[in-house]
N, C-alpha and C. Protein backbone atom coordinates (compact mmCIF):
# COMPACT_ATOMS: atom_id res chain seq x y z
N MET A 1 19.04 -3.92 1.59
CA MET A 1 17.87 -3.33 0.96
C MET A 1 17.04 -4.43 0.28
N THR A 2 15.74 -4.24 0.30
CA THR A 2 14.80 -5.17 -0.30
C THR A 2 14.15 -4.51 -1.51
N THR A 3 14.09 -5.21 -2.62
CA THR A 3 13.40 -4.71 -3.81
C THR A 3 11.95 -5.16 -3.75
N THR A 4 11.04 -4.27 -4.10
CA THR A 4 9.61 -4.60 -4.11
C THR A 4 8.94 -3.94 -5.30
N ARG A 5 7.74 -4.41 -5.60
CA ARG A 5 6.91 -3.75 -6.61
C ARG A 5 5.77 -3.05 -5.89
N GLN A 6 5.41 -1.86 -6.38
CA GLN A 6 4.34 -1.07 -5.77
C GLN A 6 3.46 -0.49 -6.87
N TRP A 7 2.17 -0.34 -6.53
CA TRP A 7 1.24 0.33 -7.43
C TRP A 7 1.13 1.79 -7.00
N LEU A 8 1.47 2.71 -7.90
CA LEU A 8 1.40 4.14 -7.63
C LEU A 8 0.20 4.74 -8.34
N LEU A 9 -0.39 5.77 -7.72
CA LEU A 9 -1.46 6.51 -8.36
C LEU A 9 -0.85 7.32 -9.49
N ASN A 10 -1.37 7.13 -10.71
CA ASN A 10 -0.81 7.76 -11.90
C ASN A 10 -1.74 8.83 -12.47
N ASP A 11 -3.03 8.78 -12.10
CA ASP A 11 -4.00 9.77 -12.57
C ASP A 11 -5.20 9.76 -11.64
N HIS A 12 -5.89 10.88 -11.55
CA HIS A 12 -7.11 10.98 -10.72
C HIS A 12 -8.33 10.64 -11.57
N PRO A 13 -9.04 9.54 -11.29
CA PRO A 13 -10.21 9.16 -12.09
C PRO A 13 -11.47 9.91 -11.67
N ARG A 14 -11.47 11.22 -11.80
CA ARG A 14 -12.62 12.03 -11.38
C ARG A 14 -13.77 11.92 -12.37
N GLY A 15 -14.94 11.52 -11.87
CA GLY A 15 -16.14 11.49 -12.70
C GLY A 15 -16.14 10.42 -13.77
N ARG A 16 -15.31 9.41 -13.63
CA ARG A 16 -15.26 8.33 -14.61
C ARG A 16 -14.81 7.05 -13.92
N PRO A 17 -15.02 5.91 -14.58
CA PRO A 17 -14.52 4.65 -14.01
C PRO A 17 -12.99 4.65 -13.97
N ILE A 18 -12.44 3.78 -13.16
CA ILE A 18 -10.99 3.63 -13.09
C ILE A 18 -10.50 3.03 -14.41
N ALA A 19 -9.44 3.62 -14.95
CA ALA A 19 -8.85 3.16 -16.21
C ALA A 19 -7.52 2.47 -15.94
N GLU A 20 -7.06 1.70 -16.90
CA GLU A 20 -5.83 0.92 -16.75
C GLU A 20 -4.63 1.79 -16.38
N ASN A 21 -4.55 3.01 -16.93
CA ASN A 21 -3.37 3.86 -16.67
C ASN A 21 -3.52 4.71 -15.41
N ASP A 22 -4.57 4.52 -14.62
CA ASP A 22 -4.71 5.29 -13.37
C ASP A 22 -3.73 4.81 -12.30
N LEU A 23 -3.27 3.58 -12.43
CA LEU A 23 -2.26 3.03 -11.52
C LEU A 23 -1.06 2.60 -12.34
N LYS A 24 0.12 2.76 -11.76
CA LYS A 24 1.36 2.41 -12.45
C LYS A 24 2.17 1.48 -11.55
N LEU A 25 2.62 0.35 -12.10
CA LEU A 25 3.43 -0.61 -11.36
C LEU A 25 4.90 -0.23 -11.50
N VAL A 26 5.57 -0.05 -10.35
CA VAL A 26 6.99 0.32 -10.35
C VAL A 26 7.76 -0.62 -9.43
N GLU A 27 9.04 -0.72 -9.65
CA GLU A 27 9.92 -1.47 -8.77
C GLU A 27 10.75 -0.46 -7.98
N THR A 28 10.89 -0.70 -6.69
CA THR A 28 11.60 0.25 -5.83
C THR A 28 12.36 -0.49 -4.74
N GLU A 29 13.29 0.20 -4.12
CA GLU A 29 14.06 -0.34 -3.00
C GLU A 29 13.44 0.13 -1.69
N LEU A 30 13.31 -0.79 -0.75
CA LEU A 30 12.84 -0.44 0.59
C LEU A 30 14.04 -0.36 1.52
N PRO A 31 14.05 0.59 2.44
CA PRO A 31 15.14 0.63 3.42
C PRO A 31 15.03 -0.56 4.37
N ASP A 32 16.14 -0.91 4.99
CA ASP A 32 16.14 -1.97 5.99
C ASP A 32 15.27 -1.55 7.18
N ALA A 33 14.67 -2.54 7.82
CA ALA A 33 13.83 -2.26 8.99
C ALA A 33 14.70 -1.74 10.12
N GLU A 34 14.31 -0.61 10.67
CA GLU A 34 15.02 -0.02 11.81
C GLU A 34 14.47 -0.60 13.10
N ALA A 35 15.04 -0.22 14.20
CA ALA A 35 14.59 -0.71 15.51
C ALA A 35 13.09 -0.46 15.67
N GLY A 36 12.37 -1.52 16.05
CA GLY A 36 10.94 -1.41 16.28
C GLY A 36 10.10 -1.56 15.02
N GLN A 37 10.74 -1.77 13.87
CA GLN A 37 10.01 -1.90 12.62
C GLN A 37 9.99 -3.34 12.14
N MET A 38 9.11 -3.60 11.17
CA MET A 38 8.98 -4.93 10.59
C MET A 38 8.95 -4.82 9.07
N LEU A 39 9.31 -5.90 8.40
CA LEU A 39 9.15 -6.03 6.96
C LEU A 39 8.02 -7.01 6.75
N LEU A 40 7.01 -6.60 5.98
CA LEU A 40 5.81 -7.41 5.78
C LEU A 40 5.69 -7.82 4.32
N LYS A 41 5.20 -9.03 4.10
CA LYS A 41 4.92 -9.54 2.76
C LYS A 41 3.42 -9.54 2.57
N THR A 42 2.96 -8.91 1.50
CA THR A 42 1.53 -8.85 1.23
C THR A 42 1.03 -10.20 0.72
N LEU A 43 -0.01 -10.71 1.37
CA LEU A 43 -0.64 -11.95 0.93
C LEU A 43 -1.91 -11.67 0.15
N TYR A 44 -2.73 -10.74 0.63
CA TYR A 44 -3.98 -10.36 -0.02
C TYR A 44 -4.17 -8.85 0.09
N LEU A 45 -4.70 -8.27 -1.00
CA LEU A 45 -5.04 -6.84 -1.01
C LEU A 45 -6.55 -6.70 -1.15
N GLY A 46 -7.08 -5.71 -0.44
CA GLY A 46 -8.50 -5.39 -0.59
C GLY A 46 -8.65 -4.23 -1.56
N PHE A 47 -9.75 -4.21 -2.29
CA PHE A 47 -10.07 -3.05 -3.11
C PHE A 47 -11.49 -2.66 -2.75
N ASP A 48 -11.59 -1.61 -1.95
CA ASP A 48 -12.85 -1.20 -1.36
C ASP A 48 -13.38 0.06 -2.06
N PRO A 49 -14.71 0.28 -2.08
CA PRO A 49 -15.28 1.43 -2.75
C PRO A 49 -14.67 2.77 -2.31
N ALA A 50 -14.29 2.90 -1.07
CA ALA A 50 -13.73 4.18 -0.59
C ALA A 50 -12.44 4.55 -1.32
N GLN A 51 -11.71 3.56 -1.80
CA GLN A 51 -10.45 3.85 -2.47
C GLN A 51 -10.65 4.67 -3.74
N LYS A 52 -11.77 4.52 -4.40
CA LYS A 52 -12.06 5.33 -5.60
C LYS A 52 -12.10 6.80 -5.22
N GLY A 53 -12.73 7.14 -4.09
CA GLY A 53 -12.75 8.53 -3.62
C GLY A 53 -11.36 9.04 -3.29
N TRP A 54 -10.52 8.21 -2.67
CA TRP A 54 -9.15 8.62 -2.37
C TRP A 54 -8.40 8.90 -3.67
N MET A 55 -8.61 8.04 -4.67
CA MET A 55 -7.93 8.20 -5.96
C MET A 55 -8.38 9.48 -6.67
N GLU A 56 -9.64 9.87 -6.47
CA GLU A 56 -10.16 11.08 -7.11
C GLU A 56 -9.60 12.35 -6.47
N ASN A 57 -8.89 12.20 -5.35
CA ASN A 57 -8.30 13.32 -4.62
C ASN A 57 -9.38 14.21 -4.01
N VAL A 58 -10.41 13.57 -3.45
CA VAL A 58 -11.51 14.27 -2.79
C VAL A 58 -11.30 14.16 -1.28
N ALA A 59 -11.29 15.30 -0.59
CA ALA A 59 -11.11 15.28 0.87
C ALA A 59 -12.33 14.62 1.51
N ASP A 60 -12.05 13.73 2.46
CA ASP A 60 -13.12 13.00 3.14
C ASP A 60 -12.61 12.67 4.53
N TYR A 61 -12.96 11.50 5.03
CA TYR A 61 -12.53 11.11 6.37
C TYR A 61 -11.07 10.69 6.42
N VAL A 62 -10.44 10.47 5.28
CA VAL A 62 -8.99 10.22 5.20
C VAL A 62 -8.42 11.16 4.15
N ALA A 63 -7.13 11.37 4.22
CA ALA A 63 -6.48 12.29 3.28
C ALA A 63 -6.59 11.77 1.85
N PRO A 64 -6.85 12.66 0.90
CA PRO A 64 -6.88 12.24 -0.50
C PRO A 64 -5.47 11.87 -0.96
N MET A 65 -5.39 11.21 -2.10
CA MET A 65 -4.11 10.76 -2.62
C MET A 65 -3.60 11.72 -3.68
N LYS A 66 -2.28 11.87 -3.72
CA LYS A 66 -1.63 12.69 -4.74
C LYS A 66 -1.02 11.77 -5.79
N ILE A 67 -0.84 12.30 -6.99
CA ILE A 67 -0.17 11.55 -8.05
C ILE A 67 1.21 11.13 -7.52
N GLY A 68 1.54 9.86 -7.72
CA GLY A 68 2.81 9.31 -7.25
C GLY A 68 2.74 8.63 -5.91
N ASP A 69 1.63 8.80 -5.16
CA ASP A 69 1.47 8.09 -3.88
C ASP A 69 1.29 6.60 -4.14
N VAL A 70 1.80 5.78 -3.21
CA VAL A 70 1.55 4.34 -3.28
C VAL A 70 0.09 4.12 -2.89
N MET A 71 -0.63 3.36 -3.72
CA MET A 71 -2.04 3.08 -3.43
C MET A 71 -2.17 2.42 -2.07
N ARG A 72 -3.11 2.88 -1.29
CA ARG A 72 -3.30 2.30 0.04
C ARG A 72 -4.63 1.57 0.10
N GLY A 73 -4.72 0.68 1.05
CA GLY A 73 -5.95 -0.08 1.22
C GLY A 73 -5.76 -1.15 2.27
N SER A 74 -6.78 -1.96 2.43
CA SER A 74 -6.71 -3.03 3.43
C SER A 74 -5.87 -4.18 2.87
N ALA A 75 -5.22 -4.90 3.79
CA ALA A 75 -4.35 -6.00 3.36
C ALA A 75 -4.21 -7.03 4.47
N ILE A 76 -3.88 -8.23 4.05
CA ILE A 76 -3.45 -9.29 4.96
C ILE A 76 -1.99 -9.53 4.63
N LEU A 77 -1.14 -9.49 5.66
CA LEU A 77 0.30 -9.53 5.45
C LEU A 77 0.98 -10.51 6.39
N GLU A 78 2.14 -11.00 5.98
CA GLU A 78 2.94 -11.90 6.80
C GLU A 78 4.22 -11.18 7.23
N VAL A 79 4.57 -11.30 8.49
CA VAL A 79 5.81 -10.70 9.01
C VAL A 79 6.96 -11.58 8.54
N ILE A 80 7.86 -10.99 7.72
CA ILE A 80 9.02 -11.75 7.26
C ILE A 80 10.32 -11.30 7.90
N GLU A 81 10.29 -10.15 8.56
CA GLU A 81 11.44 -9.66 9.32
C GLU A 81 10.91 -8.79 10.45
N SER A 82 11.40 -8.99 11.65
CA SER A 82 10.96 -8.18 12.78
C SER A 82 12.19 -7.71 13.54
N ASN A 83 12.38 -6.43 13.57
CA ASN A 83 13.52 -5.83 14.25
C ASN A 83 13.01 -5.23 15.57
N GLY A 84 12.52 -6.10 16.43
CA GLY A 84 11.96 -5.63 17.69
C GLY A 84 10.54 -5.11 17.53
N GLY A 85 9.90 -5.48 16.42
CA GLY A 85 8.53 -5.04 16.18
C GLY A 85 7.56 -5.76 17.10
N ARG A 86 6.31 -5.39 16.99
CA ARG A 86 5.27 -5.93 17.87
C ARG A 86 4.96 -7.40 17.59
N PHE A 87 5.22 -7.86 16.36
CA PHE A 87 4.87 -9.22 15.96
C PHE A 87 6.13 -10.00 15.60
N GLU A 88 6.03 -11.32 15.70
CA GLU A 88 7.14 -12.21 15.41
C GLU A 88 7.13 -12.63 13.94
N VAL A 89 8.28 -13.02 13.42
CA VAL A 89 8.39 -13.54 12.06
C VAL A 89 7.43 -14.72 11.90
N GLY A 90 6.70 -14.74 10.79
CA GLY A 90 5.74 -15.82 10.51
C GLY A 90 4.32 -15.49 10.89
N GLU A 91 4.12 -14.50 11.75
CA GLU A 91 2.75 -14.14 12.13
C GLU A 91 2.06 -13.44 10.97
N VAL A 92 0.74 -13.60 10.91
CA VAL A 92 -0.07 -12.96 9.87
C VAL A 92 -0.86 -11.84 10.53
N VAL A 93 -0.85 -10.67 9.88
CA VAL A 93 -1.52 -9.49 10.41
C VAL A 93 -2.44 -8.91 9.34
N ALA A 94 -3.39 -8.08 9.76
CA ALA A 94 -4.31 -7.43 8.83
C ALA A 94 -4.47 -5.98 9.25
N GLY A 95 -4.70 -5.12 8.26
CA GLY A 95 -4.92 -3.72 8.55
C GLY A 95 -4.77 -2.88 7.29
N THR A 96 -4.66 -1.58 7.49
CA THR A 96 -4.44 -0.67 6.38
C THR A 96 -2.96 -0.69 6.03
N SER A 97 -2.69 -0.82 4.75
CA SER A 97 -1.32 -0.89 4.28
C SER A 97 -1.24 -0.18 2.94
N VAL A 98 -0.22 -0.48 2.16
CA VAL A 98 -0.10 0.06 0.81
C VAL A 98 -0.01 -1.11 -0.17
N TRP A 99 -0.30 -0.81 -1.42
CA TRP A 99 -0.23 -1.84 -2.46
C TRP A 99 1.23 -2.06 -2.84
N SER A 100 1.87 -2.92 -2.10
CA SER A 100 3.28 -3.25 -2.28
C SER A 100 3.46 -4.72 -1.95
N GLU A 101 4.43 -5.37 -2.59
CA GLU A 101 4.68 -6.76 -2.27
C GLU A 101 5.10 -6.89 -0.83
């Protein structure tokens, strides 16, 4: 098992700016990568305007977020373990991910 830190949605910032307590940093255990899965290390996180709408729990082109969900967004990540995944260890990938180490 791998220990990681993740940012969880702690409150919906509806009609107001994002506040410090809207996100909560927690430490959690990740399961081992199963066949076809990879373990990724976050290098960079994006914070895009659309994420505010997701945090407000407003239905749009993507599902809104619930309290306790891991914050999602764009990221650049490095493959640190590949159990038959699409990419090899050491490769750098980009896409939608979650706010986790």
